Amino acid sequence: MKRTTQIFLSAFILMQLSCFTSKATAQTNNASSQKNNKIKVFTTAEKTNLKLSLSNDFISNKNTTQQKATVSIIVNTEKTDQTFLGIGGAITDASAEVFAKLSPKKQQEFLNAYYDKNKGIGYSLARTNIHSCDFSSDSYTYISEGDKELKTFNINHDRKYRIPLIKKAIKTAGGKLTLFASPWSPPAFMKDNNDILHGGVLLPEFAATWALYYTKFIKAYEKEGIPIWGLTVQNEPMARQSWESCIYTPEAERDFLKNHLGPTLEKEGLGSKNVIIWDHNRGDMLEKRANLVFSDPEVSKYAWGIGFHWYETWNGGPPQFESVGKVHEAFPNKNLIFTEGCIEKFDASKYQFWGNAERYGINMINDFNNGTVAWTDWNILLDQNGGPNHVGNFCFAPIHADTTKDELIYTPMYYYIGHFSKFIRPNAKRIIETISDKSLISTSFKNADGQLITIVMNQSENEIVYALEIQNSKNTITIPPHAIQTIVY
């Protein structure tokens, strides 16, 4: 797709979103519409102009010959599971630096696209980094190197780009954004390799100091008017990376939370903050970390839940969704949150590659169906090179900016995520459904206002007709090839 077409399409889609959402909102507030079983279908499909588009023509008209459904989706509103927290993405240094290079007009378009419930896809969740990560232009901390007493602690670095963007995101989201923070590495002098990069482990003599560092970050951000809902103990604690990284064995993470981070948060008046363990991939280790921490009352009391990424598929292996379901079944009172995922290995020729979007749809549906309460994409914005990134670890984002042309490039990933984030709202309950055939995948939620949301995805090359059944109601709907639909009813 040529860039001129992308510009026109993105403007058209945002105008379309604003138009149809005002109608959808009016319907949501009209109780009688639910009683009359009026539904709305929104569709995004490959090789069409449908991008989160209102498309009720896919509903079979009962006054004409009805197509026969080959798949049945039966929704049971009486049986519910986890409570939904939110969907969003990471506001990294890279995202903030790229945002700052856009014109004011494009900045506002970008903010609306992500955070406005009516004009965009209504993000309600965000993640940010505690000092630098790979998606920063350089490595930095909030103290002078060697400052064991943290006397030099300040967040001046973040005031230039990151804090202004976070504040604007919160404002656009209506004044509230659930924000959690993650460290990629302690300062170099606190580690056994004396290097903020390349793994290493936290030295025992600095465990208390490092725990205090988290609290100083939280207090500094909240002094700026940015509430911190929670934090993860360590980003990817089993990965020795060329960028900021630090290794924690399961026992080391447990002991750091139990003996230092948890007690320090309480001592500093921050005991209400939500602590997330693991923050790495699905699989056996997800289960092991959960069992080790959640089965120990002395440490479990500090842990809100467990976070995970999708990079267990890095070497071509399948997503290990079953590990998420096992943790949810074993510890139903703890929370599962997807804390990071992106399409790796940036290639500008694949901005519109549909398979990238389908990877998001597959993961989101399966994670939610296995008990996940929230889902966090990686960078919300990157430039035309897939960065900036100080170690060359470039990747995709749902929206890119060509900073040389002041253009925003919307990828199919943006629309697929929007099929969830725009319609499933915080405090929704997942409702149990059954599906008769694996040719489609689906998940359903009930919003706090009683509105029902079902998301259906078709990965096949064929158009599929399905029946959506709830209580005494049945609607027959067609979904195009390589498409995703959100049904609001």
Protein backbone atom coordinates (compact mmCIF):
# COMPACT_ATOMS: atom_id res chain seq x y z
CA MET A 1 0.00 0.00 0.00
CA LYS A 2 1.43 3.38 -0.93
CA ARG A 3 2.02 5.89 1.86
CA THR A 4 -0.50 8.37 0.37
CA THR A 5 -3.14 5.68 0.54
CA GLN A 6 -2.21 4.92 4.15
CA ILE A 7 -2.63 8.56 5.12
CA PHE A 8 -6.04 8.76 3.49
CA LEU A 9 -7.11 5.43 4.98
CA SER A 10 -6.05 6.32 8.53
CA ALA A 11 -7.95 9.62 8.38
CA PHE A 12 -10.99 7.88 6.93
CA ILE A 13 -10.96 5.17 9.58
CA LEU A 14 -10.69 7.63 12.46
CA MET A 15 -13.64 9.58 11.06
CA GLN A 16 -15.57 6.33 10.66
CA LEU A 17 -14.74 5.23 14.22
CA SER A 18 -16.03 8.54 15.59
CA CYS A 19 -19.25 8.21 13.61
CA PHE A 20 -20.19 4.64 14.39
CA THR A 21 -19.12 4.71 18.03
CA SER A 22 -21.45 7.58 18.88
CA LYS A 23 -24.29 5.41 17.55
CA ALA A 24 -23.02 2.35 19.43
CA THR A 25 -22.77 4.33 22.65
CA ALA A 26 -26.33 5.55 22.25
CA GLN A 27 -27.46 1.96 21.82
CA THR A 28 -25.53 0.83 24.88
CA ASN A 29 -27.35 3.38 27.00
CA ASN A 30 -30.72 2.29 25.67
CA ALA A 31 -31.93 -0.63 27.77
CA SER A 32 -34.81 -1.38 25.42
CA SER A 33 -32.37 -2.13 22.60
CA GLN A 34 -31.08 -5.10 24.58
CA LYS A 35 -34.58 -6.34 25.29
CA ASN A 36 -35.32 -6.29 21.57
CA ASN A 37 -32.11 -8.20 20.91
CA LYS A 38 -30.74 -5.56 18.55
CA ILE A 39 -27.15 -6.31 17.68
CA LYS A 40 -24.32 -4.57 15.88
CA VAL A 41 -21.48 -6.25 14.04
CA PHE A 42 -18.09 -4.59 13.49
CA THR A 43 -15.67 -6.16 11.03
CA THR A 44 -12.04 -5.94 9.97
CA ALA A 45 -11.16 -8.13 6.97
CA GLU A 46 -8.20 -8.63 4.68
CA LYS A 47 -8.45 -7.39 1.08
CA THR A 48 -11.40 -5.15 1.94
CA ASN A 49 -11.99 -1.61 3.18
CA LEU A 50 -13.46 -2.99 6.40
CA LYS A 51 -11.45 -1.69 9.36
CA LEU A 52 -13.44 -1.82 12.61
CA SER A 53 -16.41 -1.01 10.37
CA LEU A 54 -20.07 -1.25 11.31
CA SER A 55 -21.27 -4.07 9.05
CA ASN A 56 -24.71 -5.31 9.97
CA ASP A 57 -25.20 -6.52 6.40
CA PHE A 58 -23.36 -9.65 7.53
CA ILE A 59 -26.41 -10.54 9.67
CA SER A 60 -28.84 -12.77 7.78
CA ASN A 61 -32.18 -11.11 7.11
CA LYS A 62 -34.98 -13.28 8.49
CA ASN A 63 -37.31 -12.01 5.74
CA THR A 64 -35.16 -13.63 3.06
CA THR A 65 -33.71 -17.08 2.51
CA GLN A 66 -31.31 -17.59 5.37
CA GLN A 67 -27.86 -19.04 4.82
CA LYS A 68 -27.20 -22.19 6.77
CA ALA A 69 -24.74 -21.82 9.64
CA THR A 70 -21.90 -24.31 9.74
CA VAL A 71 -20.63 -23.24 13.17
CA SER A 72 -22.55 -22.57 16.39
CA ILE A 73 -21.35 -20.27 19.17
CA ILE A 74 -23.47 -20.70 22.28
CA VAL A 75 -23.03 -18.03 24.96
CA ASN A 76 -23.98 -18.83 28.56
CA THR A 77 -24.48 -15.54 30.42
CA GLU A 78 -25.19 -17.38 33.67
CA LYS A 79 -21.65 -18.75 33.86
CA THR A 80 -18.84 -16.23 34.29
CA ASP A 81 -15.11 -16.30 34.94
CA GLN A 82 -12.44 -13.63 35.46
CA THR A 83 -13.01 -9.89 35.86
CA PHE A 84 -11.47 -7.84 33.08
CA LEU A 85 -8.90 -5.16 33.99
CA GLY A 86 -7.96 -3.60 30.67
CA ILE A 87 -6.04 -3.59 27.38
CA GLY A 88 -3.22 -1.27 26.40
CA GLY A 89 0.41 -0.91 25.40
CA ALA A 90 3.78 0.19 26.71
CA ILE A 91 4.69 3.88 26.79
CA THR A 92 8.44 3.49 26.41
CA ASP A 93 11.17 6.06 25.88
CA ALA A 94 11.16 5.09 22.20
CA SER A 95 7.43 5.74 21.84
CA ALA A 96 7.71 9.07 23.63
CA GLU A 97 10.69 10.22 21.57
CA VAL A 98 8.93 9.41 18.30
CA PHE A 99 5.73 11.08 19.51
CA ALA A 100 7.65 14.28 20.26
CA LYS A 101 8.77 14.48 16.62
CA LEU A 102 5.20 14.60 15.31
CA SER A 103 3.31 17.79 14.56
CA PRO A 104 0.67 18.82 17.14
CA LYS A 105 -2.07 17.73 14.72
CA LYS A 106 -0.58 14.26 14.29
CA GLN A 107 0.08 13.97 18.03
CA GLN A 108 -3.61 14.55 18.73
CA GLU A 109 -4.64 12.08 16.04
CA PHE A 110 -2.35 9.50 17.62
CA LEU A 111 -3.68 10.10 21.14
CA ASN A 112 -7.27 9.86 19.95
CA ALA A 113 -6.51 6.69 17.97
CA TYR A 114 -5.38 4.82 21.06
CA TYR A 115 -7.01 6.40 24.10
CA ASP A 116 -10.30 7.98 23.08
CA LYS A 117 -13.18 5.52 23.51
CA ASN A 118 -15.27 7.20 20.80
CA LYS A 119 -12.72 8.32 18.22
CA GLY A 120 -10.29 5.45 18.74
CA ILE A 121 -9.90 2.05 20.38
CA GLY A 122 -10.12 3.09 24.04
CA TYR A 123 -6.91 1.82 25.66
CA SER A 124 -7.35 1.64 29.46
CA LEU A 125 -4.02 0.07 30.46
CA ALA A 126 -0.35 1.03 30.09
CA ARG A 127 3.11 -0.19 31.01
CA THR A 128 6.26 1.87 31.35
CA ASN A 129 9.93 1.21 32.09
CA ILE A 130 11.83 2.03 35.31
CA HIS A 131 14.87 3.84 33.84
CA SER A 132 16.22 2.53 30.54
CA CYS A 133 15.33 -0.55 28.49
CA ASP A 134 16.24 -1.65 24.98
CA PHE A 135 13.65 0.75 23.59
CA SER A 136 15.49 3.80 24.92
CA SER A 137 17.99 5.80 22.89
CA ASP A 138 20.68 5.08 25.45
CA SER A 139 21.22 3.42 28.84
CA TYR A 140 20.59 5.51 31.95
CA THR A 141 19.46 5.28 35.58
CA TYR A 142 17.94 7.76 38.02
CA ILE A 143 21.04 8.03 40.21
CA SER A 144 24.74 8.74 39.91
CA GLU A 145 26.62 5.47 39.47
CA GLY A 146 27.75 4.16 42.85
CA ASP A 147 25.19 6.14 44.87
CA LYS A 148 24.42 3.45 47.44
CA GLU A 149 22.14 5.71 49.48
CA LEU A 150 20.11 6.94 46.47
CA LYS A 151 20.76 10.57 47.43
CA THR A 152 20.95 11.64 43.78
CA PHE A 153 17.68 9.95 42.75
CA ASN A 154 15.66 12.00 40.27
CA ILE A 155 13.50 11.39 37.20
CA ASN A 156 14.63 14.44 35.23
CA HIS A 157 15.41 12.22 32.24
CA ASP A 158 11.75 11.21 31.91
CA ARG A 159 10.43 14.76 32.10
CA LYS A 160 11.59 15.55 28.57
CA TYR A 161 9.58 12.98 26.61
CA ARG A 162 8.00 10.14 28.57
CA ILE A 163 6.17 11.94 31.36
CA PRO A 164 4.50 14.46 28.99
CA LEU A 165 3.22 11.62 26.78
CA ILE A 166 1.90 9.62 29.74
CA LYS A 167 0.05 12.68 31.02
CA LYS A 168 -1.52 13.31 27.61
CA ALA A 169 -2.53 9.65 27.34
CA ILE A 170 -4.21 9.77 30.75
CA LYS A 171 -6.09 12.95 29.80
CA THR A 172 -7.25 11.49 26.48
CA ALA A 173 -8.37 8.30 28.22
CA GLY A 174 -10.76 10.35 30.34
CA GLY A 175 -8.48 11.00 33.31
CA LYS A 176 -7.72 7.40 34.27
CA LEU A 177 -5.19 4.89 32.93
CA THR A 178 -4.13 1.77 34.80
CA LEU A 179 -0.33 2.08 34.67
CA PHE A 180 2.24 -0.44 35.82
CA ALA A 181 6.03 -0.16 35.71
CA SER A 182 8.82 -2.68 35.06
CA PRO A 183 12.59 -2.56 35.65
CA TRP A 184 14.93 -4.08 33.06
CA SER A 185 18.04 -3.96 35.29
CA PRO A 186 19.38 -2.49 38.53
CA PRO A 187 22.24 0.04 38.12
CA ALA A 188 25.54 -1.59 37.14
CA PHE A 189 27.22 -1.30 40.56
CA MET A 190 24.40 -3.32 42.16
CA LYS A 191 25.09 -6.36 39.95
CA ASP A 192 27.73 -9.05 40.00
CA ASN A 193 28.84 -8.29 36.41
CA ASN A 194 29.05 -4.51 37.07
CA ASP A 195 27.10 -3.95 33.86
CA ILE A 196 23.55 -2.70 33.34
CA LEU A 197 23.48 -4.87 30.20
CA HIS A 198 24.16 -8.58 29.60
CA GLY A 199 22.26 -10.20 32.45
CA GLY A 200 24.12 -10.58 35.71
CA VAL A 201 22.44 -10.91 39.10
CA LEU A 202 21.56 -8.51 41.89
CA LEU A 203 24.20 -8.54 44.62
CA PRO A 204 22.70 -9.47 48.02
CA GLU A 205 24.16 -6.39 49.70
CA PHE A 206 22.11 -4.14 47.41
CA ALA A 207 18.74 -5.94 47.65
CA ALA A 208 17.35 -3.47 50.20
CA THR A 209 18.64 -0.49 48.21
CA TRP A 210 17.16 -1.79 44.98
CA ALA A 211 13.78 -2.37 46.66
CA LEU A 212 13.83 1.22 47.90
CA TYR A 213 14.59 2.37 44.35
CA TYR A 214 11.17 1.09 43.19
CA THR A 215 9.40 3.11 45.86
CA LYS A 216 11.31 6.26 44.95
CA PHE A 217 10.23 5.80 41.33
CA ILE A 218 6.58 5.37 42.33
CA LYS A 219 6.60 8.40 44.60
CA ALA A 220 8.38 10.56 42.02
CA TYR A 221 5.87 9.69 39.30
CA GLU A 222 2.90 10.18 41.59
CA LYS A 223 4.30 13.57 42.58
CA GLU A 224 4.07 14.38 38.85
CA GLY A 225 0.38 13.48 38.94
CA ILE A 226 0.84 10.02 37.38
CA PRO A 227 -0.68 7.25 39.54
CA ILE A 228 1.21 3.95 39.51
CA TRP A 229 -1.23 1.05 39.83
CA GLY A 230 1.43 -1.62 40.15
CA LEU A 231 4.81 -3.00 39.14
CA THR A 232 6.55 -6.14 38.00
CA VAL A 233 9.52 -7.47 39.93
CA GLN A 234 11.77 -7.81 36.86
CA ASN A 235 11.31 -7.86 33.10
CA GLU A 236 12.23 -11.29 31.69
CA PRO A 237 14.17 -12.58 34.71
CA MET A 238 15.56 -15.64 32.90
CA ALA A 239 16.98 -13.83 29.84
CA ARG A 240 20.57 -12.66 29.49
CA GLN A 241 20.14 -9.97 26.84
CA SER A 242 22.52 -7.62 25.03
CA TRP A 243 20.38 -4.85 26.49
CA GLU A 244 19.34 -4.07 30.09
CA SER A 245 18.67 -7.38 31.83
CA CYS A 246 19.06 -9.16 35.17
CA ILE A 247 18.69 -12.82 36.08
CA TYR A 248 16.54 -14.08 38.96
CA THR A 249 16.13 -17.77 39.66
CA PRO A 250 12.63 -18.68 40.90
CA GLU A 251 13.96 -18.78 44.46
CA ALA A 252 15.81 -15.48 44.08
CA GLU A 253 12.70 -13.68 42.84
CA ARG A 254 10.62 -15.20 45.64
CA ASP A 255 13.12 -14.18 48.31
CA PHE A 256 13.57 -10.66 46.93
CA LEU A 257 9.81 -10.10 47.00
CA LYS A 258 9.37 -11.76 50.38
CA ASN A 259 12.29 -10.18 52.24
CA HIS A 260 12.79 -6.85 50.50
CA LEU A 261 10.36 -5.53 47.90
CA GLY A 262 7.11 -6.46 49.65
CA PRO A 263 8.12 -5.22 53.12
CA THR A 264 9.69 -2.06 51.66
CA LEU A 265 6.53 -1.16 49.76
CA GLU A 266 4.55 -1.54 52.98
CA LYS A 267 7.07 0.45 55.01
CA GLU A 268 6.97 3.28 52.48
CA GLY A 269 3.16 3.43 52.52
CA LEU A 270 2.84 1.73 49.15
CA GLY A 271 1.49 -1.63 50.27
CA SER A 272 -1.61 -1.20 48.09
CA LYS A 273 0.44 -1.33 44.90
CA ASN A 274 -0.11 -4.46 42.83
CA VAL A 275 3.00 -6.62 42.41
CA ILE A 276 3.34 -8.91 39.40
CA ILE A 277 5.86 -11.75 39.40
CA TRP A 278 7.62 -13.51 36.50
CA ASP A 279 6.92 -11.08 33.60
CA HIS A 280 8.41 -13.56 31.11
CA ASN A 281 7.15 -16.31 28.79
CA ARG A 282 4.33 -18.82 29.01
CA GLY A 283 5.22 -22.45 29.62
CA ASP A 284 6.60 -24.63 32.41
CA MET A 285 8.40 -21.75 34.09
CA LEU A 286 5.18 -19.74 34.32
CA GLU A 287 3.67 -22.62 36.25
CA LYS A 288 6.78 -23.12 38.40
CA ARG A 289 6.96 -19.44 39.42
CA ALA A 290 3.26 -19.40 40.25
CA ASN A 291 3.49 -22.54 42.37
CA LEU A 292 6.58 -21.36 44.22
CA VAL A 293 5.22 -17.93 45.12
CA PHE A 294 1.46 -18.44 45.40
CA SER A 295 1.80 -21.58 47.55
CA ASP A 296 3.85 -19.69 50.16
CA PRO A 297 1.55 -17.47 52.27
CA GLU A 298 4.46 -15.33 53.47
CA VAL A 299 5.29 -14.20 49.94
CA SER A 300 1.93 -14.74 48.22
CA LYS A 301 0.43 -11.92 50.28
CA TYR A 302 2.63 -9.47 48.37
CA ALA A 303 1.77 -10.79 44.89
CA TRP A 304 -1.32 -9.60 43.02
CA GLY A 305 -0.63 -11.96 40.18
CA ILE A 306 1.72 -13.23 37.49
CA GLY A 307 2.68 -11.69 34.15
CA PHE A 308 3.74 -13.39 30.94
CA HIS A 309 4.97 -12.73 27.38
CA TRP A 310 4.53 -14.67 24.14
CA TYR A 311 8.16 -15.17 23.11
CA GLU A 312 8.15 -18.90 23.89
CA THR A 313 7.34 -19.00 20.16
CA TRP A 314 10.66 -17.32 19.25
CA ASN A 315 12.20 -20.49 17.79
CA GLY A 316 9.05 -21.59 16.02
CA GLY A 317 7.38 -23.44 18.87
CA PRO A 318 3.61 -23.23 19.50
CA PRO A 319 2.07 -20.80 21.99
CA GLN A 320 1.72 -22.54 25.34
CA PHE A 321 -1.72 -21.27 26.27
CA GLU A 322 -2.41 -24.36 28.39
CA SER A 323 0.13 -23.14 30.98
CA VAL A 324 -1.96 -20.00 31.49
CA GLY A 325 -5.08 -22.10 32.02
CA LYS A 326 -3.32 -24.37 34.50
CA VAL A 327 -2.22 -21.42 36.66
CA HIS A 328 -5.72 -19.94 36.52
CA GLU A 329 -7.22 -23.25 37.61
CA ALA A 330 -4.69 -23.81 40.40
CA PHE A 331 -4.82 -20.24 41.77
CA PRO A 332 -8.21 -18.73 40.86
CA ASN A 333 -7.75 -15.92 43.39
CA LYS A 334 -4.58 -14.70 41.70
CA ASN A 335 -4.49 -12.73 38.46
CA LEU A 336 -2.90 -13.47 35.09
CA ILE A 337 -1.78 -10.54 32.95
CA PHE A 338 -0.14 -10.51 29.54
CA THR A 339 2.61 -7.94 30.06
CA GLU A 340 4.40 -7.85 26.67
CA GLY A 341 4.27 -9.05 23.10
CA CYS A 342 5.30 -7.67 19.72
CA ILE A 343 6.07 -8.74 16.18
CA GLU A 344 9.84 -9.13 16.09
CA LYS A 345 12.34 -8.43 13.29
CA PHE A 346 11.09 -5.18 11.79
CA ASP A 347 10.66 -4.99 8.03
CA ALA A 348 8.91 -1.92 6.61
CA SER A 349 7.67 -3.91 3.63
CA LYS A 350 5.44 -5.88 6.03
CA TYR A 351 3.49 -3.02 7.62
CA GLN A 352 0.26 -4.44 6.19
CA PHE A 353 1.10 -8.14 6.57
CA TRP A 354 -2.15 -9.69 7.78
CA GLY A 355 -0.52 -12.59 9.58
CA ASN A 356 0.88 -10.16 12.16
CA ALA A 357 -2.64 -9.08 13.09
CA GLU A 358 -3.88 -12.65 13.23
CA ARG A 359 -1.10 -13.49 15.68
CA TYR A 360 -2.57 -10.86 17.99
CA GLY A 361 -6.10 -12.16 17.58
CA ILE A 362 -5.10 -15.77 18.26
CA ASN A 363 -3.13 -14.83 21.36
CA MET A 364 -5.70 -12.46 22.82
CA ILE A 365 -8.64 -14.84 22.39
CA ASN A 366 -6.75 -17.82 23.82
CA ASP A 367 -5.24 -15.85 26.70
CA PHE A 368 -8.63 -14.48 27.72
CA ASN A 369 -10.25 -17.91 27.42
CA ASN A 370 -7.59 -19.24 29.79
CA GLY A 371 -8.30 -16.69 32.51
CA THR A 372 -6.17 -13.65 31.65
CA VAL A 373 -7.54 -10.40 33.11
CA ALA A 374 -5.49 -7.87 31.10
CA TRP A 375 -3.43 -7.73 27.91
CA THR A 376 -0.53 -5.35 27.26
CA ASP A 377 1.07 -4.80 23.87
CA TRP A 378 4.70 -3.63 23.66
CA ASN A 379 5.59 -0.18 22.21
CA ILE A 380 2.55 1.92 21.30
CA LEU A 381 4.56 3.82 18.67
CA LEU A 382 7.83 3.34 16.79
CA ASP A 383 9.46 5.16 13.89
CA GLN A 384 9.96 4.13 10.27
CA ASN A 385 12.99 2.07 11.33
CA GLY A 386 11.24 0.12 14.10
CA GLY A 387 12.98 2.12 16.84
CA PRO A 388 14.71 3.98 18.34
CA ASN A 389 16.54 1.17 20.10
CA HIS A 390 20.07 1.45 21.45
CA VAL A 391 21.04 -2.15 20.63
CA GLY A 392 19.37 -2.52 17.23
CA ASN A 393 16.56 -4.75 18.50
CA PHE A 394 14.00 -3.24 16.11
CA CYS A 395 10.41 -4.50 15.93
CA PHE A 396 6.87 -3.62 14.91
CA ALA A 397 4.24 -1.54 16.69
CA PRO A 398 0.52 -1.27 15.86
CA ILE A 399 1.17 2.31 14.74
CA HIS A 400 4.40 3.60 13.20
CA ALA A 401 5.37 7.15 12.41
CA ASP A 402 7.40 8.21 9.43
CA THR A 403 9.03 11.16 11.14
CA THR A 404 10.51 12.42 7.86
CA LYS A 405 7.00 12.95 6.46
CA ASP A 406 4.94 13.53 9.63
CA GLU A 407 2.81 10.49 8.77
CA LEU A 408 1.14 7.84 10.92
CA ILE A 409 1.04 4.31 9.53
CA TYR A 410 -1.78 2.14 10.91
CA THR A 411 -1.07 -1.59 10.69
CA PRO A 412 -3.73 -4.33 10.77
CA MET A 413 -2.54 -5.12 14.31
CA TYR A 414 -4.05 -1.83 15.49
CA TYR A 415 -7.51 -2.81 14.26
CA TYR A 416 -7.36 -6.36 15.61
CA ILE A 417 -6.44 -5.09 19.08
CA GLY A 418 -9.23 -2.54 18.77
CA HIS A 419 -11.81 -5.28 18.32
CA PHE A 420 -11.13 -6.11 21.98
CA SER A 421 -10.07 -2.84 23.64
CA LYS A 422 -12.81 -0.66 22.17
CA PHE A 423 -15.67 -2.85 23.27
CA ILE A 424 -14.60 -4.83 26.36
CA ARG A 425 -14.39 -2.33 29.19
CA PRO A 426 -12.79 -2.54 32.65
CA ASN A 427 -14.80 -4.58 35.17
CA ALA A 428 -16.40 -6.71 32.46
CA LYS A 429 -16.84 -10.40 33.25
CA ARG A 430 -15.81 -13.10 30.81
CA ILE A 431 -18.78 -15.30 30.07
CA ILE A 432 -18.47 -18.93 29.13
CA GLU A 433 -19.25 -20.00 25.58
CA THR A 434 -19.01 -23.16 23.54
CA ILE A 435 -18.10 -23.31 19.86
CA SER A 436 -18.97 -26.26 17.68
CA ASP A 437 -16.08 -26.13 15.21
CA LYS A 438 -12.41 -25.16 15.31
CA SER A 439 -12.66 -23.28 12.02
CA LEU A 440 -13.47 -20.21 14.15
CA ILE A 441 -12.18 -19.02 17.51
CA SER A 442 -14.13 -16.78 19.86
CA THR A 443 -14.38 -15.19 23.29
CA SER A 444 -17.23 -13.37 25.06
CA PHE A 445 -17.59 -10.78 27.83
CA LYS A 446 -20.36 -8.99 29.67
CA ASN A 447 -19.69 -5.34 30.44
CA ALA A 448 -20.68 -3.85 33.77
CA ASP A 449 -23.67 -2.13 32.12
CA GLY A 450 -25.02 -5.49 30.90
CA GLN A 451 -23.86 -5.11 27.31
CA LEU A 452 -22.64 -8.37 25.76
CA ILE A 453 -19.54 -8.59 23.57
CA THR A 454 -18.55 -11.57 21.44
CA ILE A 455 -15.38 -11.53 19.33
CA VAL A 456 -15.10 -14.03 16.48
CA MET A 457 -12.03 -14.65 14.33
CA ASN A 458 -11.73 -16.48 11.01
CA GLN A 459 -8.19 -17.44 9.98
CA SER A 460 -9.27 -19.45 6.95
CA GLU A 461 -9.40 -18.64 3.25
CA ASN A 462 -13.17 -19.19 3.22
CA GLU A 463 -16.21 -17.20 4.21
CA ILE A 464 -17.93 -18.89 7.15
CA VAL A 465 -21.54 -18.62 8.34
CA TYR A 466 -22.08 -19.07 12.06
CA ALA A 467 -24.99 -18.95 14.49
CA LEU A 468 -24.60 -16.84 17.63
CA GLU A 469 -26.96 -18.26 20.24
CA ILE A 470 -27.83 -16.80 23.63
CA GLN A 471 -30.76 -17.93 25.77
CA ASN A 472 -33.78 -17.94 23.42
CA SER A 473 -32.13 -15.77 20.78
CA LYS A 474 -30.24 -16.80 17.65
CA ASN A 475 -28.58 -14.71 14.96
CA THR A 476 -26.92 -16.02 11.82
CA ILE A 477 -23.84 -14.03 10.80
CA THR A 478 -21.31 -14.30 7.98
CA ILE A 479 -17.62 -13.62 8.59
CA PRO A 480 -15.31 -13.03 5.59
CA PRO A 481 -12.00 -14.86 5.08
CA HIS A 482 -9.12 -13.68 7.29
CA ALA A 483 -11.37 -11.46 9.35
CA ILE A 484 -12.27 -10.58 12.90
CA GLN A 485 -15.69 -9.43 14.12
CA THR A 486 -16.99 -7.90 17.32
CA ILE A 487 -20.68 -8.41 17.99
CA VAL A 488 -22.29 -5.96 20.42
CA TYR A 489 -25.71 -7.01 21.70
